[in-house]
Amino acid sequence: SDDMEALAEKIAFECQPVVVMVPDLFRGHPWKEDPENPGFNSRGKNYEQWRATHSDHRVSIDIRAAAATLRERYGVSSIAVFGTCYGGGRALEVAS
């Protein structure tokens, strides 16, 4: 989201030198409730239907790929993760 991108840019600026990456775990289709149809997104899916389109396995692969990119492309030796909502759970999972 735009908010997450702005936060990443702020962290990168405030915490230099640091590499910040915000992988798009939902591949351009984040959950956003349709204000005219509460409980559903603009495609008519409720949260659980939307969530089913983003398998845990695929999201895990994307997270591992992001970490590999940080190590291989940017030479990062340690990684810190954080997330909000769904991302918070995934961050805890990755950190464990």
N, C-alpha and C. Protein backbone atom coordinates (compact mmCIF):
# COMPACT_ATOMS: atom_id res chain seq x y z
N SER A 1 0.84 -1.18 0.00
CA SER A 1 0.00 0.00 0.00
C SER A 1 0.88 1.24 0.00
N ASP A 2 0.28 2.35 -0.30
CA ASP A 2 1.01 3.61 -0.29
C ASP A 2 1.54 3.93 1.11
N ASP A 3 0.74 3.60 2.13
CA ASP A 3 1.16 3.86 3.51
C ASP A 3 2.39 3.03 3.87
N MET A 4 2.40 1.77 3.48
CA MET A 4 3.53 0.89 3.78
C MET A 4 4.78 1.36 3.02
N GLU A 5 4.59 1.80 1.79
CA GLU A 5 5.72 2.30 1.01
C GLU A 5 6.31 3.55 1.67
N ALA A 6 5.43 4.45 2.15
CA ALA A 6 5.90 5.65 2.81
C ALA A 6 6.65 5.31 4.10
N LEU A 7 6.15 4.33 4.85
CA LEU A 7 6.83 3.90 6.07
C LEU A 7 8.20 3.32 5.75
N ALA A 8 8.29 2.50 4.72
CA ALA A 8 9.56 1.91 4.32
C ALA A 8 10.56 2.99 3.93
N GLU A 9 10.10 3.98 3.20
CA GLU A 9 10.99 5.07 2.81
C GLU A 9 11.47 5.85 4.03
N LYS A 10 10.59 6.05 5.00
CA LYS A 10 10.98 6.76 6.23
C LYS A 10 12.01 5.96 7.01
N ILE A 11 11.79 4.65 7.14
CA ILE A 11 12.75 3.80 7.85
C ILE A 11 14.10 3.84 7.14
N ALA A 12 14.09 3.72 5.82
CA ALA A 12 15.34 3.73 5.06
C ALA A 12 16.08 5.05 5.26
N PHE A 13 15.35 6.15 5.30
CA PHE A 13 15.98 7.46 5.47
C PHE A 13 16.49 7.65 6.89
N GLU A 14 15.66 7.31 7.88
CA GLU A 14 16.00 7.55 9.28
C GLU A 14 17.08 6.59 9.80
N CYS A 15 17.17 5.41 9.24
CA CYS A 15 18.05 4.37 9.78
C CYS A 15 19.23 4.06 8.87
N GLN A 16 19.68 5.01 8.09
CA GLN A 16 20.78 4.77 7.16
C GLN A 16 22.03 4.31 7.90
N PRO A 17 22.86 3.45 7.40
CA PRO A 17 22.65 2.73 6.13
C PRO A 17 21.87 1.44 6.38
N VAL A 18 20.77 1.30 5.73
CA VAL A 18 19.95 0.10 5.85
C VAL A 18 19.23 -0.12 4.52
N VAL A 19 19.02 -1.38 4.18
CA VAL A 19 18.27 -1.72 2.98
C VAL A 19 16.86 -2.10 3.44
N VAL A 20 15.86 -1.49 2.85
CA VAL A 20 14.48 -1.78 3.21
C VAL A 20 13.78 -2.38 2.00
N MET A 21 13.07 -3.48 2.24
CA MET A 21 12.31 -4.12 1.17
C MET A 21 10.89 -4.37 1.67
N VAL A 22 9.93 -4.08 0.82
CA VAL A 22 8.53 -4.34 1.14
C VAL A 22 7.97 -5.23 0.03
N PRO A 23 8.08 -6.55 0.21
CA PRO A 23 7.55 -7.43 -0.84
C PRO A 23 6.04 -7.35 -0.91
N ASP A 24 5.51 -7.41 -2.10
CA ASP A 24 4.06 -7.36 -2.31
C ASP A 24 3.52 -8.79 -2.18
N LEU A 25 3.21 -9.19 -0.95
CA LEU A 25 2.77 -10.55 -0.69
C LEU A 25 1.42 -10.87 -1.33
N PHE A 26 0.67 -9.84 -1.67
CA PHE A 26 -0.65 -10.06 -2.27
C PHE A 26 -0.65 -9.76 -3.76
N ARG A 27 0.52 -9.55 -4.30
CA ARG A 27 0.72 -9.38 -5.75
C ARG A 27 -0.26 -8.40 -6.39
N GLY A 28 -0.33 -7.23 -5.77
CA GLY A 28 -1.16 -6.16 -6.34
C GLY A 28 -2.63 -6.21 -5.98
N HIS A 29 -3.01 -7.16 -5.13
CA HIS A 29 -4.42 -7.29 -4.77
C HIS A 29 -4.60 -7.38 -3.26
N PRO A 30 -4.26 -6.31 -2.52
CA PRO A 30 -4.43 -6.34 -1.07
C PRO A 30 -5.92 -6.32 -0.70
N TRP A 31 -6.21 -6.75 0.52
CA TRP A 31 -7.60 -6.70 1.00
C TRP A 31 -7.99 -5.25 1.23
N LYS A 32 -9.07 -4.84 0.63
CA LYS A 32 -9.64 -3.52 0.86
C LYS A 32 -11.14 -3.67 0.78
N GLU A 33 -11.78 -3.36 1.88
CA GLU A 33 -13.24 -3.50 1.93
C GLU A 33 -13.89 -2.43 1.05
N ASP A 34 -14.90 -2.84 0.33
CA ASP A 34 -15.67 -1.94 -0.52
C ASP A 34 -16.61 -1.13 0.38
N PRO A 35 -16.47 0.18 0.43
CA PRO A 35 -17.32 0.97 1.33
C PRO A 35 -18.81 0.88 0.99
N GLU A 36 -19.12 0.55 -0.24
CA GLU A 36 -20.53 0.43 -0.64
C GLU A 36 -21.08 -0.97 -0.40
N ASN A 37 -20.21 -1.93 -0.06
CA ASN A 37 -20.62 -3.31 0.15
C ASN A 37 -19.82 -3.88 1.33
N PRO A 38 -20.12 -3.43 2.55
CA PRO A 38 -19.34 -3.84 3.72
C PRO A 38 -19.21 -5.36 3.83
N GLY A 39 -17.98 -5.79 4.18
CA GLY A 39 -17.71 -7.22 4.31
C GLY A 39 -17.18 -7.85 3.04
N PHE A 40 -17.16 -7.09 1.97
CA PHE A 40 -16.70 -7.59 0.67
C PHE A 40 -15.74 -6.59 0.04
N ASN A 41 -14.87 -7.09 -0.85
CA ASN A 41 -13.99 -6.18 -1.59
C ASN A 41 -14.66 -5.78 -2.90
N SER A 42 -13.95 -5.02 -3.70
CA SER A 42 -14.53 -4.52 -4.95
C SER A 42 -14.81 -5.63 -5.96
N ARG A 43 -14.22 -6.81 -5.75
CA ARG A 43 -14.46 -7.96 -6.63
C ARG A 43 -15.57 -8.86 -6.11
N GLY A 44 -16.24 -8.43 -5.03
CA GLY A 44 -17.36 -9.19 -4.48
C GLY A 44 -16.97 -10.36 -3.60
N LYS A 45 -15.70 -10.41 -3.15
CA LYS A 45 -15.24 -11.50 -2.30
C LYS A 45 -15.19 -11.05 -0.85
N ASN A 46 -15.61 -11.94 0.07
CA ASN A 46 -15.43 -11.63 1.48
C ASN A 46 -13.98 -11.91 1.85
N TYR A 47 -13.59 -11.59 3.08
CA TYR A 47 -12.18 -11.71 3.45
C TYR A 47 -11.66 -13.13 3.28
N GLU A 48 -12.41 -14.11 3.72
CA GLU A 48 -11.96 -15.50 3.63
C GLU A 48 -11.80 -15.95 2.18
N GLN A 49 -12.70 -15.54 1.31
CA GLN A 49 -12.57 -15.88 -0.11
C GLN A 49 -11.34 -15.21 -0.71
N TRP A 50 -11.12 -13.95 -0.36
CA TRP A 50 -9.94 -13.24 -0.85
C TRP A 50 -8.67 -13.91 -0.33
N ARG A 51 -8.65 -14.24 0.97
CA ARG A 51 -7.48 -14.87 1.59
C ARG A 51 -7.14 -16.19 0.93
N ALA A 52 -8.15 -16.93 0.50
CA ALA A 52 -7.94 -18.23 -0.14
C ALA A 52 -7.19 -18.09 -1.46
N THR A 53 -7.18 -16.90 -2.04
CA THR A 53 -6.47 -16.70 -3.30
C THR A 53 -4.97 -16.44 -3.08
N HIS A 54 -4.56 -16.37 -1.82
CA HIS A 54 -3.15 -16.13 -1.46
C HIS A 54 -2.69 -17.26 -0.54
N SER A 55 -2.32 -18.37 -1.11
CA SER A 55 -1.97 -19.54 -0.31
C SER A 55 -0.77 -19.26 0.59
N ASP A 56 -0.80 -19.85 1.78
CA ASP A 56 0.31 -19.69 2.72
C ASP A 56 1.62 -20.16 2.10
N HIS A 57 1.56 -21.24 1.33
CA HIS A 57 2.76 -21.78 0.71
C HIS A 57 3.38 -20.77 -0.26
N ARG A 58 2.58 -20.18 -1.11
CA ARG A 58 3.07 -19.20 -2.08
C ARG A 58 3.61 -17.96 -1.38
N VAL A 59 2.93 -17.50 -0.32
CA VAL A 59 3.40 -16.34 0.43
C VAL A 59 4.74 -16.66 1.09
N SER A 60 4.89 -17.87 1.63
CA SER A 60 6.16 -18.28 2.24
C SER A 60 7.29 -18.27 1.22
N ILE A 61 7.01 -18.74 0.03
CA ILE A 61 8.01 -18.73 -1.05
C ILE A 61 8.41 -17.29 -1.37
N ASP A 62 7.43 -16.39 -1.45
CA ASP A 62 7.73 -14.99 -1.75
C ASP A 62 8.58 -14.35 -0.65
N ILE A 63 8.29 -14.69 0.61
CA ILE A 63 9.07 -14.14 1.72
C ILE A 63 10.51 -14.65 1.66
N ARG A 64 10.68 -15.94 1.41
CA ARG A 64 12.03 -16.51 1.30
C ARG A 64 12.78 -15.91 0.11
N ALA A 65 12.08 -15.68 -0.99
CA ALA A 65 12.71 -15.08 -2.17
C ALA A 65 13.16 -13.65 -1.87
N ALA A 66 12.36 -12.91 -1.11
CA ALA A 66 12.74 -11.55 -0.74
C ALA A 66 14.00 -11.57 0.13
N ALA A 67 14.06 -12.49 1.09
CA ALA A 67 15.23 -12.60 1.95
C ALA A 67 16.46 -12.98 1.13
N ALA A 68 16.30 -13.89 0.20
CA ALA A 68 17.42 -14.30 -0.66
C ALA A 68 17.91 -13.13 -1.50
N THR A 69 17.00 -12.32 -1.99
CA THR A 69 17.38 -11.15 -2.78
C THR A 69 18.19 -10.18 -1.94
N LEU A 70 17.75 -9.97 -0.69
CA LEU A 70 18.50 -9.07 0.19
C LEU A 70 19.92 -9.58 0.42
N ARG A 71 20.06 -10.88 0.64
CA ARG A 71 21.39 -11.46 0.88
C ARG A 71 22.25 -11.43 -0.38
N GLU A 72 21.70 -11.90 -1.50
CA GLU A 72 22.49 -12.09 -2.71
C GLU A 72 22.73 -10.80 -3.49
N ARG A 73 21.74 -9.97 -3.57
CA ARG A 73 21.87 -8.76 -4.39
C ARG A 73 22.44 -7.57 -3.61
N TYR A 74 22.09 -7.51 -2.32
CA TYR A 74 22.50 -6.34 -1.53
C TYR A 74 23.52 -6.68 -0.46
N GLY A 75 23.92 -7.94 -0.34
CA GLY A 75 24.93 -8.32 0.63
C GLY A 75 24.52 -8.18 2.08
N VAL A 76 23.24 -8.25 2.33
CA VAL A 76 22.73 -8.11 3.70
C VAL A 76 23.04 -9.38 4.48
N SER A 77 23.58 -9.22 5.68
CA SER A 77 23.93 -10.40 6.48
C SER A 77 22.93 -10.67 7.60
N SER A 78 22.14 -9.68 7.98
CA SER A 78 21.09 -9.91 8.98
C SER A 78 19.83 -9.20 8.50
N ILE A 79 18.70 -9.77 8.88
CA ILE A 79 17.41 -9.26 8.40
C ILE A 79 16.48 -9.06 9.59
N ALA A 80 15.82 -7.93 9.64
CA ALA A 80 14.77 -7.66 10.62
C ALA A 80 13.45 -7.63 9.86
N VAL A 81 12.42 -8.19 10.45
CA VAL A 81 11.11 -8.21 9.79
C VAL A 81 10.05 -7.63 10.70
N PHE A 82 9.04 -7.04 10.10
CA PHE A 82 7.87 -6.62 10.85
C PHE A 82 6.68 -6.66 9.91
N GLY A 83 5.52 -6.68 10.49
CA GLY A 83 4.31 -6.68 9.68
C GLY A 83 3.15 -6.21 10.52
N THR A 84 2.08 -5.88 9.83
CA THR A 84 0.85 -5.50 10.50
C THR A 84 -0.25 -6.43 10.03
N CYS A 85 -1.21 -6.68 10.87
CA CYS A 85 -2.35 -7.54 10.54
C CYS A 85 -1.84 -8.91 10.07
N TYR A 86 -2.18 -9.32 8.89
CA TYR A 86 -1.72 -10.61 8.36
C TYR A 86 -0.20 -10.68 8.34
N GLY A 87 0.44 -9.60 7.94
CA GLY A 87 1.89 -9.53 7.87
C GLY A 87 2.56 -9.69 9.22
N GLY A 88 1.89 -9.29 10.29
CA GLY A 88 2.45 -9.46 11.63
C GLY A 88 2.60 -10.94 11.98
N GLY A 89 1.60 -11.71 11.65
CA GLY A 89 1.68 -13.15 11.88
C GLY A 89 2.77 -13.79 11.06
N ARG A 90 2.87 -13.37 9.81
CA ARG A 90 3.91 -13.92 8.94
C ARG A 90 5.29 -13.52 9.42
N ALA A 91 5.44 -12.29 9.94
CA ALA A 91 6.73 -11.83 10.46
C ALA A 91 7.14 -12.68 11.66
N LEU A 92 6.21 -12.98 12.54
CA LEU A 92 6.51 -13.84 13.68
C LEU A 92 6.93 -15.23 13.22
N GLU A 93 6.24 -15.74 12.22
CA GLU A 93 6.55 -17.06 11.68
C GLU A 93 7.96 -17.09 11.09
N VAL A 94 8.31 -16.08 10.33
CA VAL A 94 9.61 -16.01 9.68
C VAL A 94 10.72 -15.85 10.73
N ALA A 95 10.45 -15.07 11.76
CA ALA A 95 11.46 -14.80 12.78
C ALA A 95 11.72 -15.99 13.69
N SER A 96 10.79 -16.93 13.75
CA SER A 96 10.96 -18.07 14.67
C SER A 96 11.86 -19.15 14.10
